[in-house]
Every structure is written in structure tokens, then in C-alpha cells.
Amino acid sequence: SGADEAPMATVTLPKDDYRTIHIAKILGLHNGDSLRAGTVINPSDEEDEFAGLLTDDATITWLPEGKIKKAEPTKNGDPPGSLCISIPQPPKTYLSTQSSDEGMDDTPK
């Protein structure tokens, strides 16, 4: 998978979303930085191809808004705007009820 390949999925979180604020204030991430991202499994939507997706290689892109021009957290740690999170192709891991390690039995004995 090359760096020029289109992402498998993207999501844009608004500036006031608690996850956007956490990524700016606590993690202090900048454009191109990687973070762990995943999607929840919704039992009522078994056909969702993104359900249970987990990757350590999601990348972020800040989308500055208003008077802010720099695509990075402000000096006081606020988000500069919305946050786009991209999950690369192919994702590293899928959480699943199916086991990919059929020979492994971790049942307590």
C-alpha cells in the first residue's frame, strides 16, 4: 500500500467535538500524525464493512476555520477547526467474533 493510495475511510469531526478537543489539547497532534482509531460494532448492522475496524495508522488533517489559518492546534491548545481522520488501505486489524488464529485456544484450563 502506497502513501498516494486513497484512504479506506475518512471521518470529519467538528471543532467542538470532545474527541477533536482531546486530540488538540491533550495529544497535541499535527497534520500527518498517526493515531489509533476504530469503529464500534453495531449488532443491528451486520453488513457494515467498517464495523470493528481498528488501526494504529490513522492520520489526521486539521481543517482550519474562521480567522485561524494554521492547520495546527492554537497556542492555548484549542483545535484550529474541524478534524479529518483517515484510515489507510488496507487497515491493520479487524476486531471480529471470528478467530483468524484457529490453532490458538486460550480457553482457561
Protein backbone atom coordinates (compact mmCIF):
# COMPACT_ATOMS: atom_id res chain seq x y z
CA SER A 1 0.00 0.00 0.00
CA GLY A 2 1.48 3.30 -1.09
CA ALA A 3 1.24 6.70 0.55
CA ASP A 4 -0.62 8.02 -2.52
CA GLU A 5 -3.39 5.45 -2.18
CA ALA A 6 -6.84 6.79 -1.30
CA PRO A 7 -7.86 6.11 2.29
CA MET A 8 -10.27 3.29 3.05
CA ALA A 9 -12.44 5.62 5.10
CA THR A 10 -12.44 9.17 6.41
CA VAL A 11 -14.47 10.94 9.06
CA THR A 12 -14.59 14.64 9.86
CA LEU A 13 -15.22 15.63 13.46
CA PRO A 14 -16.47 19.15 14.23
CA LYS A 15 -14.27 21.64 16.08
CA ASP A 16 -16.35 21.39 19.30
CA ASP A 17 -16.44 17.56 19.37
CA TYR A 18 -14.84 16.23 22.58
CA ARG A 19 -12.57 13.93 20.54
CA THR A 20 -11.31 16.85 18.44
CA ILE A 21 -10.62 18.86 21.60
CA HIS A 22 -8.78 15.87 23.18
CA ILE A 23 -6.60 15.39 20.08
CA ALA A 24 -5.66 19.09 20.13
CA LYS A 25 -5.32 19.82 23.87
CA ILE A 26 -4.10 16.52 25.29
CA LEU A 27 -2.37 14.74 22.40
CA GLY A 28 -1.21 17.90 20.57
CA LEU A 29 -1.22 16.16 17.19
CA HIS A 30 -0.30 17.92 13.93
CA ASN A 31 -1.17 17.26 10.28
CA GLY A 32 0.09 13.85 9.17
CA ASP A 33 0.49 12.49 12.70
CA SER A 34 -0.82 8.97 13.32
CA LEU A 35 -3.21 7.82 15.99
CA ARG A 36 -5.19 4.73 16.95
CA ALA A 37 -8.72 4.84 15.56
CA GLY A 38 -11.52 2.36 15.38
CA THR A 39 -15.20 1.87 14.79
CA VAL A 40 -17.75 0.26 17.04
CA ILE A 41 -19.59 -2.90 16.16
CA ASN A 42 -23.33 -2.30 15.93
CA PRO A 43 -25.09 -5.69 16.27
CA SER A 44 -28.07 -4.42 14.25
CA ASP A 45 -25.89 -3.56 11.24
CA GLU A 46 -24.07 -6.77 10.31
CA GLU A 47 -23.43 -5.59 6.75
CA ASP A 48 -21.27 -2.60 7.77
CA GLU A 49 -17.84 -3.24 6.21
CA PHE A 50 -16.21 -0.82 8.67
CA ALA A 51 -17.66 -2.38 11.84
CA GLY A 52 -14.94 -3.38 14.27
CA LEU A 53 -12.15 -1.67 12.33
CA LEU A 54 -9.06 -0.85 14.39
CA THR A 55 -5.82 0.69 13.20
CA ASP A 56 -2.79 2.39 14.74
CA ASP A 57 -2.09 4.12 11.42
CA ALA A 58 -4.98 6.55 11.03
CA THR A 59 -3.73 10.01 10.08
CA ILE A 60 -5.13 13.41 10.94
CA THR A 61 -5.62 16.58 8.94
CA TRP A 62 -6.72 19.80 10.60
CA LEU A 63 -9.22 21.91 8.63
CA PRO A 64 -8.75 25.50 9.88
CA GLU A 65 -11.90 27.58 10.34
CA GLY A 66 -12.71 31.25 10.76
CA LYS A 67 -9.75 33.57 11.40
CA ILE A 68 -7.37 30.65 12.06
CA LYS A 69 -5.13 29.93 9.08
CA LYS A 70 -2.59 27.47 10.53
CA ALA A 71 -3.55 23.78 10.37
CA GLU A 72 -2.32 23.01 13.89
CA PRO A 73 -3.60 23.39 17.47
CA THR A 74 -3.54 27.01 18.67
CA LYS A 75 -1.04 28.28 21.26
CA ASN A 76 -3.52 27.56 24.07
CA GLY A 77 -4.18 24.06 22.68
CA ASP A 78 -7.57 24.65 21.09
CA PRO A 79 -8.43 22.91 17.82
CA PRO A 80 -7.94 25.20 14.80
CA GLY A 81 -11.12 23.80 13.26
CA SER A 82 -12.65 20.51 12.26
CA LEU A 83 -10.53 17.36 12.22
CA CYS A 84 -10.40 14.84 9.39
CA ILE A 85 -9.26 11.33 10.36
CA SER A 86 -8.25 8.99 7.52
CA ILE A 87 -7.94 5.22 7.80
CA PRO A 88 -5.42 3.79 5.33
CA GLN A 89 -5.85 0.89 2.94
CA PRO A 90 -5.67 -1.84 3.95
CA PRO A 91 -6.46 -1.43 7.64
CA LYS A 92 -4.16 -3.27 10.02
CA THR A 93 -6.71 -5.06 12.18
CA TYR A 94 -10.35 -6.00 12.29
CA LEU A 95 -12.00 -6.86 15.59
CA SER A 96 -14.21 -9.81 14.92
CA THR A 97 -16.12 -12.60 16.53
CA GLN A 98 -14.39 -14.92 14.04
CA SER A 99 -10.94 -16.09 15.01
CA SER A 100 -8.12 -15.80 12.48
CA ASP A 101 -5.92 -17.97 14.73
CA GLU A 102 -7.85 -21.23 14.58
CA GLY A 103 -4.99 -23.19 16.13
CA MET A 104 -4.91 -20.97 19.20
CA ASP A 105 -7.08 -21.96 22.13
CA ASP A 106 -6.90 -19.52 25.02
CA THR A 107 -9.71 -21.11 26.98
CA PRO A 108 -8.72 -21.36 30.67
CA LYS A 109 -7.94 -24.93 31.64
